[in-house]
C-alpha atoms as a PDB file:
ATOM      1  CA  MET A   1     123.781 155.338  10.131  1.00  0.00           C
ATOM      2  CA  LYS A   2     126.222 152.945  11.771  1.00  0.00           C
ATOM      3  CA  LYS A   3     125.111 149.531  12.920  1.00  0.00           C
ATOM      4  CA  ILE A   4     126.630 147.754  15.905  1.00  0.00           C
ATOM      5  CA  LEU A   5     127.930 144.525  14.495  1.00  0.00           C
ATOM      6  CA  SER A   6     129.512 142.820  17.489  1.00  0.00           C
ATOM      7  CA  LEU A   7     128.703 142.372  21.154  1.00  0.00           C
ATOM      8  CA  SER A   8     131.413 141.783  23.749  1.00  0.00           C
ATOM      9  CA  PRO A   9     130.511 139.225  26.429  1.00  0.00           C
ATOM     10  CA  PHE A  10     130.438 141.889  29.143  1.00  0.00           C
ATOM     11  CA  LEU A  11     127.912 142.634  31.836  1.00  0.00           C
ATOM     12  CA  PHE A  12     125.092 144.800  33.017  1.00  0.00           C
ATOM     13  CA  VAL A  13     123.227 144.652  36.285  1.00  0.00           C
ATOM     14  CA  ALA A  14     119.883 144.329  36.322  1.00  0.00           C
ATOM     15  CA  ALA A  15     104.660 177.466  -1.699  1.00  0.00           C
ATOM     16  CA  CYS A  16     102.567 175.040  -0.201  1.00  0.00           C
ATOM     17  CA  SER A  17      99.155 173.507  -0.817  1.00  0.00           C
ATOM     18  CA  GLN A  18      96.108 175.282   0.585  1.00  0.00           C
ATOM     19  CA  ASN A  19      94.679 171.945   1.704  1.00  0.00           C
ATOM     20  CA  VAL A  20      95.332 171.173   5.354  1.00  0.00           C
ATOM     21  CA  GLU A  21      96.072 167.614   6.404  1.00  0.00           C
ATOM     22  CA  ASN A  22      94.759 166.660   9.836  1.00  0.00           C
ATOM     23  CA  VAL A  23      96.990 164.085  11.470  1.00  0.00           C
ATOM     24  CA  GLU A  24      95.971 162.119  14.537  1.00  0.00           C
ATOM     25  CA  PRO A  25      98.659 160.284  16.529  1.00  0.00           C
ATOM     26  CA  LYS A  26      98.411 156.530  16.186  1.00  0.00           C
ATOM     27  CA  LYS A  27      98.443 154.331  19.225  1.00  0.00           C
ATOM     28  CA  ALA A  28     101.329 151.870  19.450  1.00  0.00           C
ATOM     29  CA  ALA A  29     100.398 148.308  18.573  1.00  0.00           C
ATOM     30  CA  PRO A  30      99.536 146.332  21.722  1.00  0.00           C
ATOM     31  CA  ALA A  31     102.004 143.733  22.915  1.00  0.00           C
ATOM     32  CA  GLU A  32     101.167 140.093  22.270  1.00  0.00           C
ATOM     33  CA  LYS A  33     101.056 139.501  26.019  1.00  0.00           C
ATOM     34  CA  PRO A  34      99.890 141.948  28.694  1.00  0.00           C
ATOM     35  CA  VAL A  35     102.849 143.628  30.361  1.00  0.00           C
ATOM     36  CA  LYS A  36     103.127 145.386  33.692  1.00  0.00           C
ATOM     37  CA  PHE A  37     105.113 148.567  34.169  1.00  0.00           C
ATOM     38  CA  GLU A  38     106.409 149.958  37.418  1.00  0.00           C
ATOM     39  CA  THR A  39     105.626 153.658  37.578  1.00  0.00           C
ATOM     40  CA  ALA A  40     108.472 155.754  36.218  1.00  0.00           C
ATOM     41  CA  VAL A  41     110.201 157.771  38.923  1.00  0.00           C
ATOM     42  CA  ILE A  42     112.438 159.941  36.756  1.00  0.00           C
ATOM     43  CA  ASP A  43     111.776 163.612  36.048  1.00  0.00           C
ATOM     44  CA  VAL A  44     112.199 164.352  32.353  1.00  0.00           C
ATOM     45  CA  PRO A  45     111.772 167.984  31.181  1.00  0.00           C
ATOM     46  CA  MET A  46     109.284 168.395  28.334  1.00  0.00           C
ATOM     47  CA  LYS A  47     108.221 171.295  26.113  1.00  0.00           C
ATOM     48  CA  LEU A  48     104.750 172.227  24.885  1.00  0.00           C
ATOM     49  CA  VAL A  49     104.086 172.282  21.153  1.00  0.00           C
ATOM     50  CA  PRO A  50     100.777 174.161  20.702  1.00  0.00           C
ATOM     51  CA  ALA A  51      97.953 172.944  18.493  1.00  0.00           C
ATOM     52  CA  GLY A  52      97.670 174.285  14.965  1.00  0.00           C
ATOM     53  CA  GLU A  53      99.043 174.141  11.453  1.00  0.00           C
ATOM     54  CA  PHE A  54     102.643 173.937  10.306  1.00  0.00           C
ATOM     55  CA  ILE A  55     104.468 173.446   7.011  1.00  0.00           C
ATOM     56  CA  MET A  56     105.633 169.849   6.562  1.00  0.00           C
ATOM     57  CA  GLY A  57     107.829 168.354   3.856  1.00  0.00           C
ATOM     58  CA  SER A  58     109.358 170.201   0.926  1.00  0.00           C
ATOM     59  CA  ASN A  59     109.274 170.588  -2.841  1.00  0.00           C
ATOM     60  CA  LYS A  60     113.062 170.679  -3.126  1.00  0.00           C
ATOM     61  CA  VAL A  61     114.995 168.946  -5.910  1.00  0.00           C
ATOM     62  CA  ASP A  62     118.653 167.992  -6.138  1.00  0.00           C
ATOM     63  CA  THR A  63     119.797 170.889  -8.303  1.00  0.00           C
ATOM     64  CA  GLU A  64     123.427 170.475  -7.160  1.00  0.00           C
ATOM     65  CA  GLY A  65     123.733 166.855  -8.270  1.00  0.00           C
ATOM     66  CA  MET A  66     124.558 165.603  -4.775  1.00  0.00           C
ATOM     67  CA  GLN A  67     123.251 162.115  -5.501  1.00  0.00           C
ATOM     68  CA  GLU A  68     125.882 161.599  -8.175  1.00  0.00           C
ATOM     69  CA  GLN A  69     128.576 163.562  -6.363  1.00  0.00           C
ATOM     70  CA  TYR A  70     128.324 161.535  -3.138  1.00  0.00           C
ATOM     71  CA  GLY A  71     127.117 158.234  -4.569  1.00  0.00           C
ATOM     72  CA  PHE A  72     123.730 158.051  -2.877  1.00  0.00           C
ATOM     73  CA  PRO A  73     121.606 155.139  -4.155  1.00  0.00           C
ATOM     74  CA  ALA A  74     118.296 157.059  -4.177  1.00  0.00           C
ATOM     75  CA  PRO A  75     117.340 160.557  -5.328  1.00  0.00           C
ATOM     76  CA  LEU A  76     117.505 163.208  -2.629  1.00  0.00           C
ATOM     77  CA  PHE A  77     114.508 165.203  -1.390  1.00  0.00           C
ATOM     78  CA  VAL A  78     111.783 163.388  -3.367  1.00  0.00           C
ATOM     79  CA  ASN A  79     110.538 161.353  -0.390  1.00  0.00           C
ATOM     80  CA  GLU A  80     109.756 164.673   1.345  1.00  0.00           C
ATOM     81  CA  HIS A  81     107.352 165.753  -1.403  1.00  0.00           C
ATOM     82  CA  PRO A  82     104.950 167.456  -1.433  1.00  0.00           C
ATOM     83  CA  GLU A  83     105.234 170.462   0.834  1.00  0.00           C
ATOM     84  CA  ARG A  84     101.906 170.805   2.603  1.00  0.00           C
ATOM     85  CA  LYS A  85     100.107 172.174   5.648  1.00  0.00           C
ATOM     86  CA  VAL A  86      99.411 169.758   8.489  1.00  0.00           C
ATOM     87  CA  ASN A  87      97.197 170.421  11.496  1.00  0.00           C
ATOM     88  CA  LEU A  88      98.095 168.812  14.832  1.00  0.00           C
ATOM     89  CA  LYS A  89      96.695 168.752  18.335  1.00  0.00           C
ATOM     90  CA  ALA A  90      98.870 170.118  21.136  1.00  0.00           C
ATOM     91  CA  PHE A  91     101.427 167.770  22.700  1.00  0.00           C
ATOM     92  CA  MET A  92     104.427 167.709  25.012  1.00  0.00           C
ATOM     93  CA  ILE A  93     107.822 166.509  23.765  1.00  0.00           C
ATOM     94  CA  ASP A  94     111.060 165.710  25.602  1.00  0.00           C
ATOM     95  CA  GLU A  95     113.364 168.722  25.724  1.00  0.00           C
ATOM     96  CA  PHE A  96     116.342 166.421  25.142  1.00  0.00           C
ATOM     97  CA  GLU A  97     116.948 162.993  23.664  1.00  0.00           C
ATOM     98  CA  VAL A  98     116.506 160.122  26.133  1.00  0.00           C
ATOM     99  CA  THR A  99     119.800 159.750  27.989  1.00  0.00           C
ATOM    100  CA  ASN A 100     121.763 156.728  29.111  1.00  0.00           C
ATOM    101  CA  SER A 101     120.837 157.412  32.722  1.00  0.00           C
ATOM    102  CA  ASP A 102     117.127 157.672  31.838  1.00  0.00           C
ATOM    103  CA  TYR A 103     117.233 154.381  29.980  1.00  0.00           C
ATOM    104  CA  LYS A 104     119.243 152.683  32.718  1.00  0.00           C
ATOM    105  CA  ALA A 105     116.564 153.682  35.262  1.00  0.00           C
ATOM    106  CA  PHE A 106     113.990 152.040  32.986  1.00  0.00           C
ATOM    107  CA  LEU A 107     115.969 148.795  32.714  1.00  0.00           C
ATOM    108  CA  LEU A 108     116.509 148.583  36.462  1.00  0.00           C
ATOM    109  CA  ARG A 109     112.788 149.038  37.188  1.00  0.00           C
ATOM    110  CA  THR A 110     111.228 146.731  34.611  1.00  0.00           C
ATOM    111  CA  GLN A 111     111.293 143.043  33.871  1.00  0.00           C
ATOM    112  CA  GLY A 112     109.941 140.438  31.484  1.00  0.00           C
ATOM    113  CA  GLU A 113     108.024 141.643  28.431  1.00  0.00           C
ATOM    114  CA  ALA A 114     108.084 145.233  29.697  1.00  0.00           C
ATOM    115  CA  ARG A 115     111.867 145.461  29.714  1.00  0.00           C
ATOM    116  CA  GLY A 116     113.929 146.697  26.806  1.00  0.00           C
ATOM    117  CA  ALA A 117     117.263 145.259  25.712  1.00  0.00           C
ATOM    118  CA  VAL A 118     120.576 146.400  27.148  1.00  0.00           C
ATOM    119  CA  PRO A 119     122.380 148.541  24.539  1.00  0.00           C
ATOM    120  CA  PRO A 120     125.413 146.615  23.224  1.00  0.00           C
ATOM    121  CA  ALA A 121     127.632 149.677  23.620  1.00  0.00           C
ATOM    122  CA  TRP A 122     127.269 149.424  27.391  1.00  0.00           C
ATOM    123  CA  SER A 123     129.099 146.109  27.270  1.00  0.00           C
ATOM    124  CA  GLN A 124     131.834 147.609  25.151  1.00  0.00           C
ATOM    125  CA  ASN A 125     132.517 150.877  26.970  1.00  0.00           C
ATOM    126  CA  GLY A 126     132.005 149.825  30.597  1.00  0.00           C
ATOM    127  CA  TYR A 127     128.836 151.833  31.182  1.00  0.00           C
ATOM    128  CA  GLY A 128     126.971 148.700  32.239  1.00  0.00           C
ATOM    129  CA  LEU A 129     129.424 147.790  35.002  1.00  0.00           C
ATOM    130  CA  ALA A 130     127.817 148.246  38.416  1.00  0.00           C
ATOM    131  CA  LYS A 131     129.630 149.816  41.352  1.00  0.00           C
ATOM    132  CA  SER A 132     128.993 146.678  43.419  1.00  0.00           C
ATOM    133  CA  GLN A 133     130.847 144.646  40.792  1.00  0.00           C
ATOM    134  CA  MET A 134     133.778 147.063  40.842  1.00  0.00           C
ATOM    135  CA  GLU A 135     133.991 146.583  44.608  1.00  0.00           C
ATOM    136  CA  THR A 136     134.238 142.778  44.477  1.00  0.00           C
ATOM    137  CA  MET A 137     135.832 141.939  41.120  1.00  0.00           C
ATOM    138  CA  GLU A 138     139.299 140.356  40.872  1.00  0.00           C
ATOM    139  CA  MET A 139     141.869 143.116  40.508  1.00  0.00           C
ATOM    140  CA  ASP A 140     143.376 141.695  37.303  1.00  0.00           C
ATOM    141  CA  THR A 141     139.932 141.648  35.718  1.00  0.00           C
ATOM    142  CA  LEU A 142     139.107 145.136  36.944  1.00  0.00           C
ATOM    143  CA  ARG A 143     142.376 146.482  35.559  1.00  0.00           C
ATOM    144  CA  MET A 144     141.743 144.775  32.217  1.00  0.00           C
ATOM    145  CA  ILE A 145     138.258 146.292  32.013  1.00  0.00           C
ATOM    146  CA  GLY A 146     139.649 149.711  32.881  1.00  0.00           C
ATOM    147  CA  ALA A 147     142.165 149.497  30.058  1.00  0.00           C
ATOM    148  CA  GLU A 148     140.205 147.675  27.346  1.00  0.00           C
ATOM    149  CA  HIS A 149     136.597 148.769  27.926  1.00  0.00           C
ATOM    150  CA  PHE A 150     136.795 152.114  29.716  1.00  0.00           C
ATOM    151  CA  LYS A 151     139.993 152.884  27.761  1.00  0.00           C
ATOM    152  CA  LEU A 152     141.366 154.847  30.694  1.00  0.00           C
ATOM    153  CA  ASP A 153     144.306 157.012  29.675  1.00  0.00           C
ATOM    154  CA  MET A 154     146.454 155.850  32.575  1.00  0.00           C
ATOM    155  CA  ASP A 155     148.495 152.825  33.643  1.00  0.00           C
ATOM    156  CA  THR A 156     145.793 150.595  35.110  1.00  0.00           C
ATOM    157  CA  THR A 157     148.314 147.870  36.010  1.00  0.00           C
ATOM    158  CA  VAL A 158     149.543 149.895  38.996  1.00  0.00           C
ATOM    159  CA  MET A 159     146.272 151.479  40.082  1.00  0.00           C
ATOM    160  CA  SER A 160     144.520 150.535  43.306  1.00  0.00           C
ATOM    161  CA  ARG A 161     140.867 149.487  43.407  1.00  0.00           C
ATOM    162  CA  GLU A 162     139.911 152.897  44.794  1.00  0.00           C
ATOM    163  CA  GLU A 163     141.780 154.716  42.011  1.00  0.00           C
ATOM    164  CA  LEU A 164     140.223 152.536  39.325  1.00  0.00           C
ATOM    165  CA  MET A 165     136.728 152.954  40.701  1.00  0.00           C
ATOM    166  CA  THR A 166     137.129 156.727  40.939  1.00  0.00           C
ATOM    167  CA  ALA A 167     138.178 156.920  37.281  1.00  0.00           C
ATOM    168  CA  MET A 168     135.504 154.477  36.096  1.00  0.00           C
ATOM    169  CA  LEU A 169     132.648 156.154  37.969  1.00  0.00           C
ATOM    170  CA  LYS A 170     133.736 159.563  36.693  1.00  0.00           C
ATOM    171  CA  GLN A 171     133.556 158.266  33.137  1.00  0.00           C
ATOM    172  CA  GLN A 172     130.169 156.654  33.731  1.00  0.00           C
ATOM    173  CA  ASN A 173     128.862 159.942  35.136  1.00  0.00           C
ATOM    174  CA  PHE A 174     129.929 161.653  31.919  1.00  0.00           C
ATOM    175  CA  GLU A 175     128.192 158.987  29.818  1.00  0.00           C
ATOM    176  CA  ASP A 176     124.996 159.460  31.854  1.00  0.00           C
ATOM    177  CA  LYS A 177     124.093 162.599  29.901  1.00  0.00           C
ATOM    178  CA  LYS A 178     124.730 161.227  26.440  1.00  0.00           C
ATOM    179  CA  PRO A 179     121.735 160.056  24.403  1.00  0.00           C
ATOM    180  CA  VAL A 180     121.132 156.327  24.639  1.00  0.00           C
ATOM    181  CA  VAL A 181     121.884 154.534  21.361  1.00  0.00           C
ATOM    182  CA  GLY A 182     121.597 150.903  20.332  1.00  0.00           C
ATOM    183  CA  ALA A 183     117.953 150.699  21.382  1.00  0.00           C
ATOM    184  CA  THR A 184     115.649 149.239  18.746  1.00  0.00           C
ATOM    185  CA  TRP A 185     112.339 150.850  17.816  1.00  0.00           C
ATOM    186  CA  TYR A 186     110.645 148.228  20.024  1.00  0.00           C
ATOM    187  CA  ASP A 187     112.882 149.152  22.974  1.00  0.00           C
ATOM    188  CA  ALA A 188     112.065 152.821  22.455  1.00  0.00           C
ATOM    189  CA  VAL A 189     108.326 152.083  22.485  1.00  0.00           C
ATOM    190  CA  LYS A 190     108.661 150.162  25.761  1.00  0.00           C
ATOM    191  CA  TYR A 191     110.638 152.954  27.403  1.00  0.00           C
ATOM    192  CA  CYS A 192     108.106 155.595  26.403  1.00  0.00           C
ATOM    193  CA  GLN A 193     105.229 153.412  27.612  1.00  0.00           C
ATOM    194  CA  TRP A 194     107.008 153.053  30.956  1.00  0.00           C
ATOM    195  CA  ARG A 195     106.817 156.839  31.236  1.00  0.00           C
ATOM    196  CA  SER A 196     103.119 156.822  30.245  1.00  0.00           C
ATOM    197  CA  ALA A 197     104.229 158.412  26.984  1.00  0.00           C
ATOM    198  CA  ARG A 198     104.779 157.327  23.387  1.00  0.00           C
ATOM    199  CA  LEU A 199     107.059 157.901  20.422  1.00  0.00           C
ATOM    200  CA  PRO A 200     106.250 161.023  18.413  1.00  0.00           C
ATOM    201  CA  THR A 201     104.553 160.674  15.063  1.00  0.00           C
ATOM    202  CA  GLU A 202     106.646 161.867  12.151  1.00  0.00           C
ATOM    203  CA  ALA A 203     104.471 164.973  11.876  1.00  0.00           C
ATOM    204  CA  GLU A 204     104.831 165.751  15.597  1.00  0.00           C
ATOM    205  CA  TRP A 205     108.583 165.342  15.396  1.00  0.00           C
ATOM    206  CA  GLU A 206     108.858 167.686  12.404  1.00  0.00           C
ATOM    207  CA  LYS A 207     106.644 170.370  13.928  1.00  0.00           C
ATOM    208  CA  ALA A 208     108.612 170.272  17.191  1.00  0.00           C
ATOM    209  CA  ALA A 209     111.820 170.777  15.200  1.00  0.00           C
ATOM    210  CA  ARG A 210     110.527 173.214  12.595  1.00  0.00           C
ATOM    211  CA  GLY A 211     107.911 175.424  14.144  1.00  0.00           C
ATOM    212  CA  THR A 212     105.329 177.046  11.915  1.00  0.00           C
ATOM    213  CA  ASP A 213     107.484 179.048   9.488  1.00  0.00           C
ATOM    214  CA  GLY A 214     108.843 176.145   7.412  1.00  0.00           C
ATOM    215  CA  ARG A 215     112.463 176.718   8.411  1.00  0.00           C
ATOM    216  CA  GLU A 216     115.207 174.408   7.120  1.00  0.00           C
ATOM    217  CA  PHE A 217     116.928 173.759  10.452  1.00  0.00           C
ATOM    218  CA  PRO A 218     115.711 174.076  14.052  1.00  0.00           C
ATOM    219  CA  TRP A 219     117.580 177.376  14.480  1.00  0.00           C
ATOM    220  CA  GLY A 220     116.669 178.953  11.106  1.00  0.00           C
ATOM    221  CA  ASN A 221     117.380 178.680   7.392  1.00  0.00           C
ATOM    222  CA  ASN A 222     121.168 179.041   7.270  1.00  0.00           C
ATOM    223  CA  TRP A 223     123.365 175.962   7.636  1.00  0.00           C
ATOM    224  CA  ASP A 224     126.141 176.257  10.224  1.00  0.00           C
ATOM    225  CA  PRO A 225     127.902 172.998  11.210  1.00  0.00           C
ATOM    226  CA  LYS A 226     129.183 174.625  14.401  1.00  0.00           C
ATOM    227  CA  ILE A 227     125.645 174.963  15.762  1.00  0.00           C
ATOM    228  CA  THR A 228     125.037 171.211  15.822  1.00  0.00           C
ATOM    229  CA  ASN A 229     127.004 168.007  16.347  1.00  0.00           C
ATOM    230  CA  THR A 230     127.861 166.529  12.956  1.00  0.00           C
ATOM    231  CA  GLY A 231     130.703 164.532  14.472  1.00  0.00           C
ATOM    232  CA  ASP A 232     133.399 166.209  12.400  1.00  0.00           C
ATOM    233  CA  GLU A 233     134.887 168.044  15.364  1.00  0.00           C
ATOM    234  CA  ALA A 234     133.542 165.976  18.239  1.00  0.00           C
ATOM    235  CA  GLU A 235     136.134 164.457  20.535  1.00  0.00           C
ATOM    236  CA  GLU A 236     133.643 162.119  22.182  1.00  0.00           C
ATOM    237  CA  GLU A 237     133.519 158.418  21.380  1.00  0.00           C
ATOM    238  CA  GLU A 238     131.595 157.750  18.142  1.00  0.00           C
ATOM    239  CA  GLY A 239     131.046 161.499  17.757  1.00  0.00           C
ATOM    240  CA  ILE A 240     128.161 161.592  20.262  1.00  0.00           C
ATOM    241  CA  ALA A 241     127.959 164.535  22.653  1.00  0.00           C
ATOM    242  CA  GLN A 242     126.040 165.013  25.888  1.00  0.00           C
ATOM    243  CA  VAL A 243     122.504 166.281  25.319  1.00  0.00           C
ATOM    244  CA  GLY A 244     122.247 170.059  25.325  1.00  0.00           C
ATOM    245  CA  THR A 245     125.942 170.566  24.524  1.00  0.00           C
ATOM    246  CA  PHE A 246     125.070 172.870  21.609  1.00  0.00           C
ATOM    247  CA  PRO A 247     122.886 175.653  23.098  1.00  0.00           C
ATOM    248  CA  LYS A 248     122.052 177.250  19.718  1.00  0.00           C
ATOM    249  CA  ASN A 249     120.712 173.925  18.420  1.00  0.00           C
ATOM    250  CA  ALA A 250     117.216 174.610  19.722  1.00  0.00           C
ATOM    251  CA  SER A 251     113.884 174.593  17.925  1.00  0.00           C
ATOM    252  CA  PRO A 252     111.310 177.401  18.163  1.00  0.00           C
ATOM    253  CA  TYR A 253     109.750 175.498  21.080  1.00  0.00           C
ATOM    254  CA  GLY A 254     113.017 175.133  23.002  1.00  0.00           C
ATOM    255  CA  VAL A 255     113.597 171.490  22.058  1.00  0.00           C
ATOM    256  CA  TYR A 256     117.290 170.638  21.750  1.00  0.00           C
ATOM    257  CA  ASP A 257     119.388 168.442  19.454  1.00  0.00           C
ATOM    258  CA  MET A 258     116.727 167.737  16.845  1.00  0.00           C
ATOM    259  CA  SER A 259     119.429 168.297  14.248  1.00  0.00           C
ATOM    260  CA  GLY A 260     122.545 166.170  14.635  1.00  0.00           C
ATOM    261  CA  ASN A 261     124.045 164.124  17.479  1.00  0.00           C
ATOM    262  CA  VAL A 262     121.892 161.008  16.877  1.00  0.00           C
ATOM    263  CA  TRP A 263     119.044 159.976  14.605  1.00  0.00           C
ATOM    264  CA  GLU A 264     115.697 159.550  16.376  1.00  0.00           C
ATOM    265  CA  TRP A 265     113.035 156.885  16.004  1.00  0.00           C
ATOM    266  CA  VAL A 266     109.462 158.034  15.354  1.00  0.00           C
ATOM    267  CA  GLU A 267     106.233 156.052  15.405  1.00  0.00           C
ATOM    268  CA  ASP A 268     105.514 155.862  11.662  1.00  0.00           C
ATOM    269  CA  TRP A 269     106.319 153.293   9.020  1.00  0.00           C
ATOM    270  CA  TYR A 270     108.286 154.626   6.054  1.00  0.00           C
ATOM    271  CA  GLN A 271     105.465 155.407   3.636  1.00  0.00           C
ATOM    272  CA  PRO A 272     104.953 157.961   0.829  1.00  0.00           C
ATOM    273  CA  ASN A 273     103.483 161.268   1.942  1.00  0.00           C
ATOM    274  CA  LYS A 274      99.889 162.070   1.081  1.00  0.00           C
ATOM    275  CA  GLY A 275      99.862 163.413  -2.491  1.00  0.00           C
ATOM    276  CA  SER A 276     103.323 162.040  -3.314  1.00  0.00           C
ATOM    277  CA  THR A 277     104.089 160.341  -6.643  1.00  0.00           C
ATOM    278  CA  ASP A 278     107.374 158.862  -5.392  1.00  0.00           C
ATOM    279  CA  LYS A 279     107.761 155.086  -5.898  1.00  0.00           C
ATOM    280  CA  ASP A 280     110.538 154.235  -3.439  1.00  0.00           C
ATOM    281  CA  PRO A 281     110.677 150.401  -3.215  1.00  0.00           C
ATOM    282  CA  GLU A 282     111.488 150.709   0.490  1.00  0.00           C
ATOM    283  CA  TYR A 283     108.018 152.080   1.254  1.00  0.00           C
ATOM    284  CA  GLY A 284     105.699 149.809   3.200  1.00  0.00           C
ATOM    285  CA  GLU A 285     105.492 148.310   6.670  1.00  0.00           C
ATOM    286  CA  THR A 286     109.104 147.151   6.722  1.00  0.00           C
ATOM    287  CA  ASN A 287     111.065 150.224   7.824  1.00  0.00           C
ATOM    288  CA  LYS A 288     110.430 152.795  10.535  1.00  0.00           C
ATOM    289  CA  ILE A 289     111.275 156.449   9.966  1.00  0.00           C
ATOM    290  CA  ILE A 290     114.270 158.043  11.670  1.00  0.00           C
ATOM    291  CA  ARG A 291     114.784 161.792  11.813  1.00  0.00           C
ATOM    292  CA  GLY A 292     117.397 164.410  12.671  1.00  0.00           C
ATOM    293  CA  GLY A 293     120.798 163.251  11.429  1.00  0.00           C
ATOM    294  CA  SER A 294     123.724 162.121  13.571  1.00  0.00           C
ATOM    295  CA  GLY A 295     127.362 162.698  14.381  1.00  0.00           C
ATOM    296  CA  GLY A 296     128.409 161.114  11.084  1.00  0.00           C
ATOM    297  CA  MET A 297     131.591 161.480   9.110  1.00  0.00           C
ATOM    298  CA  GLY A 298     132.479 162.110   5.470  1.00  0.00           C
ATOM    299  CA  HIS A 299     129.552 162.721   3.125  1.00  0.00           C
ATOM    300  CA  TYR A 300     127.097 161.971   5.945  1.00  0.00           C
ATOM    301  CA  ALA A 301     128.025 165.355   7.457  1.00  0.00           C
ATOM    302  CA  ILE A 302     126.544 167.350   4.549  1.00  0.00           C
ATOM    303  CA  SER A 303     123.728 169.692   5.490  1.00  0.00           C
ATOM    304  CA  TYR A 304     121.087 167.577   3.705  1.00  0.00           C
ATOM    305  CA  PHE A 305     120.950 165.087   6.584  1.00  0.00           C
ATOM    306  CA  TYR A 306     120.435 167.743   9.272  1.00  0.00           C
ATOM    307  CA  ARG A 307     117.393 169.444   7.735  1.00  0.00           C
ATOM    308  CA  ASN A 308     114.013 169.413   9.470  1.00  0.00           C
ATOM    309  CA  ALA A 309     112.306 167.731   6.503  1.00  0.00           C
ATOM    310  CA  THR A 310     114.865 164.991   5.765  1.00  0.00           C
ATOM    311  CA  ARG A 311     113.418 161.474   6.009  1.00  0.00           C
ATOM    312  CA  GLN A 312     115.535 158.368   6.522  1.00  0.00           C
ATOM    313  CA  TYR A 313     114.551 154.889   7.669  1.00  0.00           C
ATOM    314  CA  ALA A 314     115.697 151.691   9.360  1.00  0.00           C
ATOM    315  CA  LYS A 315     114.182 148.326  10.151  1.00  0.00           C
ATOM    316  CA  PRO A 316     112.540 148.471  13.613  1.00  0.00           C
ATOM    317  CA  ASP A 317     114.844 145.784  15.025  1.00  0.00           C
ATOM    318  CA  THR A 318     117.969 147.718  13.971  1.00  0.00           C
ATOM    319  CA  VAL A 319     120.621 148.103  16.657  1.00  0.00           C
ATOM    320  CA  ALA A 320     122.732 151.100  15.651  1.00  0.00           C
ATOM    321  CA  GLU A 321     125.301 153.217  17.413  1.00  0.00           C
ATOM    322  CA  ASP A 322     123.773 156.471  16.171  1.00  0.00           C
ATOM    323  CA  ILE A 323     120.003 156.028  16.607  1.00  0.00           C
ATOM    324  CA  GLY A 324     118.299 157.304  19.747  1.00  0.00           C
ATOM    325  CA  PHE A 325     114.834 158.666  20.492  1.00  0.00           C
ATOM    326  CA  ARG A 326     112.644 160.965  22.579  1.00  0.00           C
ATOM    327  CA  CYS A 327     109.049 160.689  23.813  1.00  0.00           C
ATOM    328  CA  VAL A 328     105.863 162.734  23.622  1.00  0.00           C
ATOM    329  CA  LYS A 329     102.712 162.992  25.707  1.00  0.00           C
ATOM    330  CA  ASP A 330      99.222 164.100  24.771  1.00  0.00           C
ATOM    331  CA  VAL A 331      97.944 167.312  26.334  1.00  0.00           C
END
């Protein structure tokens, strides 16, 4: 997981147990002050996950010595224990991760306590620059932004305003379909509430990714780095691809990108599973769970991080360049 450490002063316009665990989704904690939301006007495709049992967690152990081999500070797999059956009500989940364009629509239609923060990356890559600003900005400034923020692969010093705007808007259109990153857990909650939705519970997220047969990855049990975006071969900035770029990276319910591309916030605090004997000192109401793996590099691209049962965590106010989210709705 990569944190965003700096913010440019840019701009944005406005064998499992026979016992079955029944898990009810928790309601998000109410805001300290009442907030008002304008009705969401975006159409986001969602998929139905039927009610019923599924296999959650695992009983795996690190038989290959990956902790020592890659220098991980904590034992692998143990926070997934034990493998168990969980029963859930039916719900709808976003087919894709929330995109930049979805999140931008939210920011432009909310204000005050209801509004999330502008992702820092938008200040760094030019995505937050409005067309109206391109039309009126000093040419020297516009050319500088084209070169240093948009990183246009052309000589911006000789380009006209029209040429610059064409190139900039084309790049923004491409960024529209990438998952939004740099949103905190609190920002994600606000966005989902704006859509009359909520973040998925950890159990809902895992069932949507895993189905009912206990598979290792959304597509099956065999690891294939070409099916998902691990970042090793991605040409996109920070290794993040547009949602739906990898058509085989689909769960049994037709939900895409639940393995790789970006980590995803879920509702739950990072706590031990029911029946677990693990004593991770990070457990408690300090960290929120993130799921799915991201377009990492080096040892972060090993298959362990892209499994359906893998649990990782981050503080809820974390601003990271590889954490996104998706929403769910009750049926």
